[in-house]
Amino acid sequence: MSAGEKAKAKAEQVVGKTVRKAAHAVHKDTLAAKGAALEARGKMRGAKEKTKDSFKH
């Protein structure tokens, strides 16, 4: 996995989780859903990169 893509994936996960938790704290359901989506996208990006790496070796 390239370091840049790995960093992007982790950053999306962290930002998404932070947004989701903050939105839940102030009862903003729409924003919480957007945070959850961002977190999920980061997880999928990380999984995609891991899959690509498994075929390289």
N, C-alpha and C. Protein backbone atom coordinates (compact mmCIF):
# COMPACT_ATOMS: atom_id res chain seq x y z
N MET A 1 0.84 -1.16 0.00
CA MET A 1 0.00 0.00 0.00
C MET A 1 0.89 1.23 0.00
N SER A 2 0.60 2.14 -0.88
CA SER A 2 1.42 3.35 -0.91
C SER A 2 1.16 4.17 0.34
N ALA A 3 2.17 4.84 0.79
CA ALA A 3 2.07 5.60 2.03
C ALA A 3 1.04 6.72 1.91
N GLY A 4 0.96 7.33 0.76
CA GLY A 4 -0.01 8.42 0.55
C GLY A 4 -1.44 7.95 0.63
N GLU A 5 -1.73 6.84 -0.02
CA GLU A 5 -3.09 6.30 0.01
C GLU A 5 -3.46 5.80 1.40
N LYS A 6 -2.49 5.20 2.08
CA LYS A 6 -2.74 4.72 3.43
C LYS A 6 -3.05 5.89 4.36
N ALA A 7 -2.33 6.98 4.20
CA ALA A 7 -2.55 8.17 5.01
C ALA A 7 -3.92 8.78 4.72
N LYS A 8 -4.31 8.83 3.45
CA LYS A 8 -5.62 9.36 3.09
C LYS A 8 -6.74 8.52 3.70
N ALA A 9 -6.59 7.21 3.64
CA ALA A 9 -7.60 6.32 4.18
C ALA A 9 -7.74 6.51 5.69
N LYS A 10 -6.62 6.58 6.38
CA LYS A 10 -6.65 6.75 7.83
C LYS A 10 -7.22 8.12 8.20
N ALA A 11 -6.85 9.15 7.44
CA ALA A 11 -7.35 10.50 7.72
C ALA A 11 -8.87 10.55 7.55
N GLU A 12 -9.39 9.92 6.51
CA GLU A 12 -10.83 9.89 6.30
C GLU A 12 -11.53 9.18 7.45
N GLN A 13 -10.94 8.09 7.93
CA GLN A 13 -11.54 7.37 9.05
C GLN A 13 -11.58 8.23 10.30
N VAL A 14 -10.49 8.89 10.60
CA VAL A 14 -10.40 9.71 11.81
C VAL A 14 -11.35 10.91 11.73
N VAL A 15 -11.34 11.61 10.59
CA VAL A 15 -12.21 12.77 10.43
C VAL A 15 -13.68 12.35 10.47
N GLY A 16 -14.00 11.27 9.80
CA GLY A 16 -15.38 10.78 9.79
C GLY A 16 -15.87 10.41 11.18
N LYS A 17 -15.02 9.74 11.93
CA LYS A 17 -15.39 9.35 13.29
C LYS A 17 -15.58 10.56 14.18
N THR A 18 -14.71 11.54 14.04
CA THR A 18 -14.80 12.77 14.83
C THR A 18 -16.07 13.53 14.50
N VAL A 19 -16.37 13.69 13.22
CA VAL A 19 -17.58 14.39 12.79
C VAL A 19 -18.81 13.66 13.29
N ARG A 20 -18.81 12.34 13.16
CA ARG A 20 -19.96 11.54 13.58
C ARG A 20 -20.22 11.72 15.08
N LYS A 21 -19.19 11.61 15.89
CA LYS A 21 -19.35 11.72 17.34
C LYS A 21 -19.77 13.13 17.75
N ALA A 22 -19.18 14.15 17.13
CA ALA A 22 -19.55 15.53 17.45
C ALA A 22 -21.00 15.81 17.05
N ALA A 23 -21.41 15.30 15.91
CA ALA A 23 -22.78 15.52 15.44
C ALA A 23 -23.79 14.82 16.35
N HIS A 24 -23.45 13.63 16.82
CA HIS A 24 -24.34 12.94 17.76
C HIS A 24 -24.47 13.73 19.05
N ALA A 25 -23.40 14.35 19.47
CA ALA A 25 -23.42 15.11 20.73
C ALA A 25 -24.36 16.31 20.66
N VAL A 26 -24.51 16.90 19.48
CA VAL A 26 -25.39 18.05 19.33
C VAL A 26 -26.68 17.70 18.58
N HIS A 27 -26.95 16.40 18.43
CA HIS A 27 -28.20 15.90 17.84
C HIS A 27 -28.42 16.36 16.40
N LYS A 28 -27.37 16.30 15.61
CA LYS A 28 -27.46 16.62 14.18
C LYS A 28 -27.35 15.32 13.40
N ASP A 29 -28.49 14.69 13.14
CA ASP A 29 -28.50 13.37 12.52
C ASP A 29 -27.95 13.36 11.10
N THR A 30 -28.25 14.39 10.32
CA THR A 30 -27.76 14.44 8.94
C THR A 30 -26.24 14.52 8.91
N LEU A 31 -25.68 15.37 9.74
CA LEU A 31 -24.23 15.50 9.80
C LEU A 31 -23.58 14.22 10.34
N ALA A 32 -24.25 13.56 11.26
CA ALA A 32 -23.74 12.29 11.79
C ALA A 32 -23.68 11.24 10.68
N ALA A 33 -24.68 11.23 9.83
CA ALA A 33 -24.70 10.28 8.72
C ALA A 33 -23.58 10.57 7.73
N LYS A 34 -23.32 11.85 7.49
CA LYS A 34 -22.22 12.22 6.59
C LYS A 34 -20.88 11.81 7.18
N GLY A 35 -20.73 11.97 8.47
CA GLY A 35 -19.50 11.53 9.14
C GLY A 35 -19.31 10.03 9.06
N ALA A 36 -20.41 9.29 9.25
CA ALA A 36 -20.35 7.85 9.15
C ALA A 36 -19.99 7.40 7.74
N ALA A 37 -20.52 8.11 6.75
CA ALA A 37 -20.20 7.79 5.35
C ALA A 37 -18.73 8.05 5.06
N LEU A 38 -18.21 9.14 5.57
CA LEU A 38 -16.80 9.45 5.37
C LEU A 38 -15.91 8.40 6.03
N GLU A 39 -16.30 7.98 7.21
CA GLU A 39 -15.55 6.95 7.92
C GLU A 39 -15.57 5.64 7.13
N ALA A 40 -16.74 5.28 6.61
CA ALA A 40 -16.87 4.05 5.83
C ALA A 40 -16.04 4.12 4.55
N ARG A 41 -16.03 5.30 3.91
CA ARG A 41 -15.24 5.47 2.69
C ARG A 41 -13.75 5.28 2.98
N GLY A 42 -13.30 5.78 4.12
CA GLY A 42 -11.91 5.59 4.51
C GLY A 42 -11.58 4.13 4.74
N LYS A 43 -12.50 3.40 5.35
CA LYS A 43 -12.29 1.97 5.58
C LYS A 43 -12.24 1.21 4.26
N MET A 44 -13.11 1.57 3.32
CA MET A 44 -13.13 0.90 2.02
C MET A 44 -11.87 1.22 1.23
N ARG A 45 -11.40 2.45 1.32
CA ARG A 45 -10.17 2.83 0.62
C ARG A 45 -8.99 2.02 1.17
N GLY A 46 -8.94 1.86 2.49
CA GLY A 46 -7.88 1.06 3.10
C GLY A 46 -7.95 -0.39 2.67
N ALA A 47 -9.17 -0.93 2.60
CA ALA A 47 -9.34 -2.32 2.18
C ALA A 47 -8.93 -2.50 0.72
N LYS A 48 -9.25 -1.53 -0.11
CA LYS A 48 -8.88 -1.60 -1.53
C LYS A 48 -7.37 -1.63 -1.69
N GLU A 49 -6.70 -0.79 -0.94
CA GLU A 49 -5.24 -0.74 -1.04
C GLU A 49 -4.60 -2.04 -0.52
N LYS A 50 -5.16 -2.61 0.53
CA LYS A 50 -4.64 -3.86 1.04
C LYS A 50 -4.82 -4.98 0.02
N THR A 51 -5.95 -4.96 -0.68
CA THR A 51 -6.21 -5.97 -1.72
C THR A 51 -5.21 -5.82 -2.86
N LYS A 52 -4.96 -4.58 -3.27
CA LYS A 52 -3.99 -4.36 -4.33
C LYS A 52 -2.60 -4.84 -3.92
N ASP A 53 -2.24 -4.62 -2.67
CA ASP A 53 -0.95 -5.07 -2.18
C ASP A 53 -0.82 -6.59 -2.15
N SER A 54 -1.94 -7.26 -1.86
CA SER A 54 -1.87 -8.73 -1.78
C SER A 54 -1.57 -9.35 -3.14
N PHE A 55 -1.94 -8.68 -4.23
CA PHE A 55 -1.65 -9.21 -5.56
C PHE A 55 -0.24 -8.87 -6.03
N LYS A 56 0.40 -7.91 -5.39
CA LYS A 56 1.76 -7.54 -5.76
C LYS A 56 2.78 -8.55 -5.25
N HIS A 57 2.46 -9.24 -4.19
CA HIS A 57 3.44 -10.15 -3.58
C HIS A 57 3.21 -11.55 -3.96
